[in-house]
C-alpha atoms as a PDB file:
ATOM      1  CA  MET A   1      29.146  26.601  69.741  1.00  0.00           C
ATOM      2  CA  ASP A   2      32.930  26.662  69.786  1.00  0.00           C
ATOM      3  CA  GLU A   3      34.376  29.299  72.079  1.00  0.00           C
ATOM      4  CA  HIS A   4      37.417  29.919  69.889  1.00  0.00           C
ATOM      5  CA  ALA A   5      35.499  30.514  66.629  1.00  0.00           C
ATOM      6  CA  GLU A   6      35.383  33.925  65.162  1.00  0.00           C
ATOM      7  CA  PRO A   7      32.263  35.883  65.843  1.00  0.00           C
ATOM      8  CA  GLY A   8      29.647  35.570  63.073  1.00  0.00           C
ATOM      9  CA  THR A   9      30.743  32.163  61.856  1.00  0.00           C
ATOM     10  CA  GLU A  10      29.097  28.945  62.727  1.00  0.00           C
ATOM     11  CA  PRO A  11      30.582  25.518  62.327  1.00  0.00           C
ATOM     12  CA  LEU A  12      29.358  23.497  59.312  1.00  0.00           C
ATOM     13  CA  GLN A  13      27.018  20.618  60.013  1.00  0.00           C
ATOM     14  CA  SER A  14      26.993  17.424  58.035  1.00  0.00           C
ATOM     15  CA  PRO A  15      23.780  16.654  56.133  1.00  0.00           C
ATOM     16  CA  ALA A  16      22.999  13.885  58.574  1.00  0.00           C
ATOM     17  CA  GLU A  17      23.063  16.385  61.436  1.00  0.00           C
ATOM     18  CA  ASP A  18      20.940  19.000  59.630  1.00  0.00           C
ATOM     19  CA  PRO A  19      17.476  18.799  61.164  1.00  0.00           C
ATOM     20  CA  ASP A  20      15.787  20.687  58.281  1.00  0.00           C
ATOM     21  CA  PRO A  21      17.351  19.618  54.993  1.00  0.00           C
ATOM     22  CA  GLU A  22      16.581  21.947  52.107  1.00  0.00           C
ATOM     23  CA  PRO A  23      14.116  20.296  49.650  1.00  0.00           C
ATOM     24  CA  LEU A  24      15.451  19.438  46.214  1.00  0.00           C
ATOM     25  CA  LYS A  25      14.165  21.721  43.488  1.00  0.00           C
ATOM     26  CA  PRO A  26      13.012  20.051  40.271  1.00  0.00           C
ATOM     27  CA  SER A  27      15.375  20.760  37.420  1.00  0.00           C
ATOM     28  CA  PRO A  28      13.898  22.642  34.487  1.00  0.00           C
ATOM     29  CA  MET A  29      12.873  20.461  31.509  1.00  0.00           C
ATOM     30  CA  GLY A  30      15.865  20.323  29.294  1.00  0.00           C
ATOM     31  CA  ARG A  31      16.488  19.601  25.674  1.00  0.00           C
ATOM     32  CA  ASN A  32      16.474  15.816  26.242  1.00  0.00           C
ATOM     33  CA  PHE A  33      12.896  15.901  27.534  1.00  0.00           C
ATOM     34  CA  TYR A  34      11.673  17.659  24.399  1.00  0.00           C
ATOM     35  CA  LEU A  35      13.681  15.324  22.195  1.00  0.00           C
ATOM     36  CA  VAL A  36      12.056  12.272  23.835  1.00  0.00           C
ATOM     37  CA  MET A  37       8.598  13.822  23.462  1.00  0.00           C
ATOM     38  CA  ALA A  38       9.256  14.566  19.774  1.00  0.00           C
ATOM     39  CA  LEU A  39      10.336  10.956  19.168  1.00  0.00           C
ATOM     40  CA  ILE A  40       7.201   9.627  20.881  1.00  0.00           C
ATOM     41  CA  GLY A  41       5.079  11.932  18.720  1.00  0.00           C
ATOM     42  CA  LEU A  42       6.864  10.770  15.574  1.00  0.00           C
ATOM     43  CA  MET A  43       6.309   7.123  16.494  1.00  0.00           C
ATOM     44  CA  LEU A  44       2.598   7.729  17.046  1.00  0.00           C
ATOM     45  CA  PHE A  45       2.365   9.535  13.709  1.00  0.00           C
ATOM     46  CA  LEU A  46       4.037   6.636  11.885  1.00  0.00           C
ATOM     47  CA  ILE A  47       1.811   4.073  13.583  1.00  0.00           C
ATOM     48  CA  VAL A  48      -1.385   5.934  12.718  1.00  0.00           C
ATOM     49  CA  PHE A  49      -0.573   6.993   9.154  1.00  0.00           C
ATOM     50  CA  PHE A  50       1.737   4.290   7.824  1.00  0.00           C
ATOM     51  CA  ASN A  51       0.221   1.058   9.064  1.00  0.00           C
ATOM     52  CA  VAL A  52      -0.270  -2.069   6.932  1.00  0.00           C
ATOM     53  CA  PRO A  53      -4.077  -1.795   6.509  1.00  0.00           C
ATOM     54  CA  ALA A  54      -3.618   1.669   5.074  1.00  0.00           C
ATOM     55  CA  THR A  55      -1.129   0.263   2.567  1.00  0.00           C
ATOM     56  CA  ARG A  56      -3.632  -2.374   1.529  1.00  0.00           C
ATOM     57  CA  ALA A  57      -6.310   0.247   1.162  1.00  0.00           C
ATOM     58  CA  SER A  58      -4.025   2.268  -1.079  1.00  0.00           C
ATOM     59  CA  ALA A  59      -3.629  -0.752  -3.408  1.00  0.00           C
ATOM     60  CA  ALA A  60      -7.403  -0.852  -3.837  1.00  0.00           C
ATOM     61  CA  THR A  61      -7.449   2.923  -4.258  1.00  0.00           C
ATOM     62  CA  THR A  62      -4.738   2.764  -6.923  1.00  0.00           C
ATOM     63  CA  LEU A  63      -6.683  -0.007  -8.653  1.00  0.00           C
ATOM     64  CA  VAL A  64      -9.773   2.179  -9.102  1.00  0.00           C
ATOM     65  CA  THR A  65      -8.086   5.519  -9.740  1.00  0.00           C
ATOM     66  CA  ASN A  66      -6.130   4.382 -12.806  1.00  0.00           C
ATOM     67  CA  ASN A  67      -7.000   3.178 -16.265  1.00  0.00           C
ATOM     68  CA  TRP A  68      -4.920   0.139 -17.136  1.00  0.00           C
ATOM     69  CA  THR A  69      -3.471  -1.047 -20.459  1.00  0.00           C
ATOM     70  CA  LEU A  70      -2.398  -4.671 -20.751  1.00  0.00           C
ATOM     71  CA  ALA A  71       1.317  -5.177 -21.431  1.00  0.00           C
ATOM     72  CA  SER A  72       1.438  -8.979 -21.183  1.00  0.00           C
ATOM     73  CA  TYR A  73      -0.815 -11.935 -20.431  1.00  0.00           C
ATOM     74  CA  ALA A  74      -0.381 -15.608 -19.573  1.00  0.00           C
ATOM     75  CA  THR A  75      -0.750 -18.220 -22.262  1.00  0.00           C
ATOM     76  CA  THR A  76      -0.373 -20.776 -19.481  1.00  0.00           C
ATOM     77  CA  PRO A  77      -0.152 -19.737 -15.817  1.00  0.00           C
ATOM     78  CA  GLY A  78       3.195 -18.088 -15.201  1.00  0.00           C
ATOM     79  CA  VAL A  79       4.221 -17.856 -18.892  1.00  0.00           C
ATOM     80  CA  LEU A  80       3.712 -14.262 -19.995  1.00  0.00           C
ATOM     81  CA  VAL A  81       3.676 -13.036 -23.593  1.00  0.00           C
ATOM     82  CA  PRO A  82       3.339  -9.449 -24.837  1.00  0.00           C
ATOM     83  CA  VAL A  83       0.091  -8.122 -26.247  1.00  0.00           C
ATOM     84  CA  LEU A  84      -0.130  -8.376 -30.038  1.00  0.00           C
ATOM     85  CA  ASN A  85       0.969  -5.294 -31.951  1.00  0.00           C
ATOM     86  CA  GLY A  86      -1.954  -3.189 -33.089  1.00  0.00           C
ATOM     87  CA  THR A  87      -4.297  -4.331 -30.298  1.00  0.00           C
ATOM     88  CA  GLN A  88      -5.126  -2.493 -27.137  1.00  0.00           C
ATOM     89  CA  VAL A  89      -6.465  -4.423 -24.160  1.00  0.00           C
ATOM     90  CA  THR A  90      -7.688  -2.216 -21.316  1.00  0.00           C
ATOM     91  CA  ALA A  91      -9.256  -2.455 -17.887  1.00  0.00           C
ATOM     92  CA  ARG A  92     -11.032   0.152 -15.802  1.00  0.00           C
ATOM     93  CA  PHE A  93     -11.916  -0.897 -12.243  1.00  0.00           C
ATOM     94  CA  GLY A  94     -14.820   1.250 -11.085  1.00  0.00           C
ATOM     95  CA  LYS A  95     -15.664   2.123  -7.512  1.00  0.00           C
ATOM     96  CA  ASP A  96     -19.014   0.448  -8.153  1.00  0.00           C
ATOM     97  CA  GLY A  97     -17.392  -3.010  -8.428  1.00  0.00           C
ATOM     98  CA  ILE A  98     -17.504  -3.170 -12.236  1.00  0.00           C
ATOM     99  CA  VAL A  99     -14.414  -3.799 -14.350  1.00  0.00           C
ATOM    100  CA  SER A 100     -14.764  -2.932 -18.023  1.00  0.00           C
ATOM    101  CA  GLY A 101     -12.664  -2.241 -21.073  1.00  0.00           C
ATOM    102  CA  SER A 102     -11.526  -3.585 -24.401  1.00  0.00           C
ATOM    103  CA  SER A 103     -10.400  -7.191 -24.742  1.00  0.00           C
ATOM    104  CA  GLY A 104      -8.537  -6.440 -27.977  1.00  0.00           C
ATOM    105  CA  CYS A 105     -11.494  -6.898 -30.266  1.00  0.00           C
ATOM    106  CA  ASN A 106     -14.637  -6.749 -28.134  1.00  0.00           C
ATOM    107  CA  ARG A 107     -15.782  -4.649 -25.196  1.00  0.00           C
ATOM    108  CA  TYR A 108     -16.376  -6.428 -21.887  1.00  0.00           C
ATOM    109  CA  SER A 109     -17.671  -5.838 -18.389  1.00  0.00           C
ATOM    110  CA  ALA A 110     -17.704  -7.956 -15.237  1.00  0.00           C
ATOM    111  CA  THR A 111     -18.157  -7.537 -11.530  1.00  0.00           C
ATOM    112  CA  TYR A 112     -15.165  -7.712  -9.224  1.00  0.00           C
ATOM    113  CA  THR A 113     -14.339  -7.618  -5.534  1.00  0.00           C
ATOM    114  CA  VAL A 114     -11.060  -6.692  -3.925  1.00  0.00           C
ATOM    115  CA  LYS A 115     -10.144  -7.157  -0.267  1.00  0.00           C
ATOM    116  CA  ASP A 116      -6.615  -6.436   0.831  1.00  0.00           C
ATOM    117  CA  TYR A 117      -4.710  -8.053  -2.043  1.00  0.00           C
ATOM    118  CA  ALA A 118      -7.342 -10.665  -2.962  1.00  0.00           C
ATOM    119  CA  LEU A 119      -9.200 -10.140  -6.242  1.00  0.00           C
ATOM    120  CA  THR A 120     -12.111 -12.029  -7.745  1.00  0.00           C
ATOM    121  CA  ILE A 121     -13.678 -11.294 -11.129  1.00  0.00           C
ATOM    122  CA  THR A 122     -16.853 -12.887 -12.463  1.00  0.00           C
ATOM    123  CA  ALA A 123     -17.132 -14.191 -16.023  1.00  0.00           C
ATOM    124  CA  PRO A 124     -17.355 -11.068 -18.194  1.00  0.00           C
ATOM    125  CA  ARG A 125     -20.037 -10.236 -20.711  1.00  0.00           C
ATOM    126  CA  LEU A 126     -18.587  -9.477 -24.132  1.00  0.00           C
ATOM    127  CA  THR A 127     -19.853  -7.901 -27.310  1.00  0.00           C
ATOM    128  CA  LYS A 128     -19.950 -10.420 -30.165  1.00  0.00           C
ATOM    129  CA  MET A 129     -17.726  -8.952 -32.853  1.00  0.00           C
ATOM    130  CA  TYR A 130     -15.281 -11.080 -34.797  1.00  0.00           C
ATOM    131  CA  CYS A 131     -11.834  -9.711 -35.583  1.00  0.00           C
ATOM    132  CA  HIS A 132     -10.070 -11.057 -38.668  1.00  0.00           C
ATOM    133  CA  THR A 133      -6.551 -10.055 -37.634  1.00  0.00           C
ATOM    134  CA  SER A 134      -4.493 -13.154 -36.948  1.00  0.00           C
ATOM    135  CA  GLY A 135      -4.216 -14.082 -33.256  1.00  0.00           C
ATOM    136  CA  VAL A 136      -6.548 -11.395 -31.878  1.00  0.00           C
ATOM    137  CA  MET A 137      -9.418 -13.745 -31.034  1.00  0.00           C
ATOM    138  CA  GLU A 138      -7.023 -16.240 -29.374  1.00  0.00           C
ATOM    139  CA  GLN A 139      -5.481 -13.408 -27.336  1.00  0.00           C
ATOM    140  CA  GLU A 140      -8.954 -12.267 -26.298  1.00  0.00           C
ATOM    141  CA  THR A 141      -9.936 -15.772 -25.196  1.00  0.00           C
ATOM    142  CA  LEU A 142      -6.788 -16.114 -23.070  1.00  0.00           C
ATOM    143  CA  TYR A 143      -7.246 -12.618 -21.588  1.00  0.00           C
ATOM    144  CA  VAL A 144     -10.823 -13.368 -20.536  1.00  0.00           C
ATOM    145  CA  SER A 145      -9.706 -16.696 -19.044  1.00  0.00           C
ATOM    146  CA  ASP A 146      -6.944 -14.915 -17.107  1.00  0.00           C
ATOM    147  CA  LEU A 147      -9.473 -12.394 -15.758  1.00  0.00           C
ATOM    148  CA  ILE A 148     -11.706 -15.205 -14.493  1.00  0.00           C
ATOM    149  CA  ASN A 149      -8.724 -16.977 -12.857  1.00  0.00           C
ATOM    150  CA  ALA A 150      -7.487 -13.820 -11.117  1.00  0.00           C
ATOM    151  CA  SER A 151      -6.959 -14.290  -7.396  1.00  0.00           C
ATOM    152  CA  ALA A 152      -4.547 -11.586  -6.214  1.00  0.00           C
ATOM    153  CA  ILE A 153      -3.135  -8.218  -7.187  1.00  0.00           C
ATOM    154  CA  ARG A 154       0.057  -6.346  -6.476  1.00  0.00           C
ATOM    155  CA  ILE A 155       0.701  -2.754  -7.394  1.00  0.00           C
ATOM    156  CA  HIS A 156       4.342  -2.210  -8.331  1.00  0.00           C
ATOM    157  CA  GLU A 157       4.300   1.440  -9.356  1.00  0.00           C
ATOM    158  CA  PRO A 158       3.374   2.078 -12.034  1.00  0.00           C
ATOM    159  CA  ASP A 159       2.256  -1.468 -12.924  1.00  0.00           C
ATOM    160  CA  LEU A 160      -0.640  -3.645 -11.829  1.00  0.00           C
ATOM    161  CA  ASN A 161       0.209  -7.348 -11.621  1.00  0.00           C
ATOM    162  CA  VAL A 162      -2.537  -9.989 -11.406  1.00  0.00           C
ATOM    163  CA  TYR A 163      -1.862 -13.511 -10.102  1.00  0.00           C
ATOM    164  CA  ASP A 164      -3.733 -16.808  -9.902  1.00  0.00           C
ATOM    165  CA  GLU A 165      -4.382 -18.651  -6.633  1.00  0.00           C
ATOM    166  CA  GLU A 166      -0.980 -20.390  -6.859  1.00  0.00           C
ATOM    167  CA  GLY A 167       0.817 -17.034  -7.156  1.00  0.00           C
ATOM    168  CA  LYS A 168       1.641 -17.396 -10.857  1.00  0.00           C
ATOM    169  CA  ALA A 169       1.499 -14.247 -12.950  1.00  0.00           C
ATOM    170  CA  LEU A 170      -1.531 -13.936 -15.232  1.00  0.00           C
ATOM    171  CA  LEU A 171      -1.690 -10.305 -16.328  1.00  0.00           C
ATOM    172  CA  VAL A 172       0.621  -7.305 -16.249  1.00  0.00           C
ATOM    173  CA  PHE A 173      -0.965  -3.904 -16.824  1.00  0.00           C
ATOM    174  CA  GLY A 174       0.736  -0.566 -17.228  1.00  0.00           C
ATOM    175  CA  PRO A 175      -0.867   2.823 -16.758  1.00  0.00           C
ATOM    176  CA  GLY A 176      -3.368   3.646 -19.464  1.00  0.00           C
ATOM    177  CA  SER A 177      -4.693   6.894 -20.822  1.00  0.00           C
ATOM    178  CA  PRO A 178      -7.377   8.613 -18.729  1.00  0.00           C
END
């Protein structure tokens, strides 16, 4: 100790000379910590609830929860024409794998499968009525052919679009009455 120092004061030591350094105290968790944790939680939420398989499942869910009314159909793949005035062509995709509705003149039903965006429909069974209105039977024949050639679907709210295996549009449905 220095002889000339005032009583009660001790000279300062450098940290390197301090034999017992005081341990560092952890700082309290600040706002940044909670912000980072909130962002991690948000990312996990988005991953779990907004992933691609869930989107695909919602397309299948939308397919079966709506009644569909045909707006246009393909006369040749990719060339769409509107449904004839005075006819109503409908489709109802049931959870049981049956699609049914009106083909403009007759009633029909067929089995279908949907996986992700892929759609297959078997040849439908039709009632055997004949409609005398010009063009209705031709429209019905083309509609049934388009159903059989269906390969993929896309839901573009509120419409249902059906495509062949080459990606050409076959059918465009709008929302129908319940």
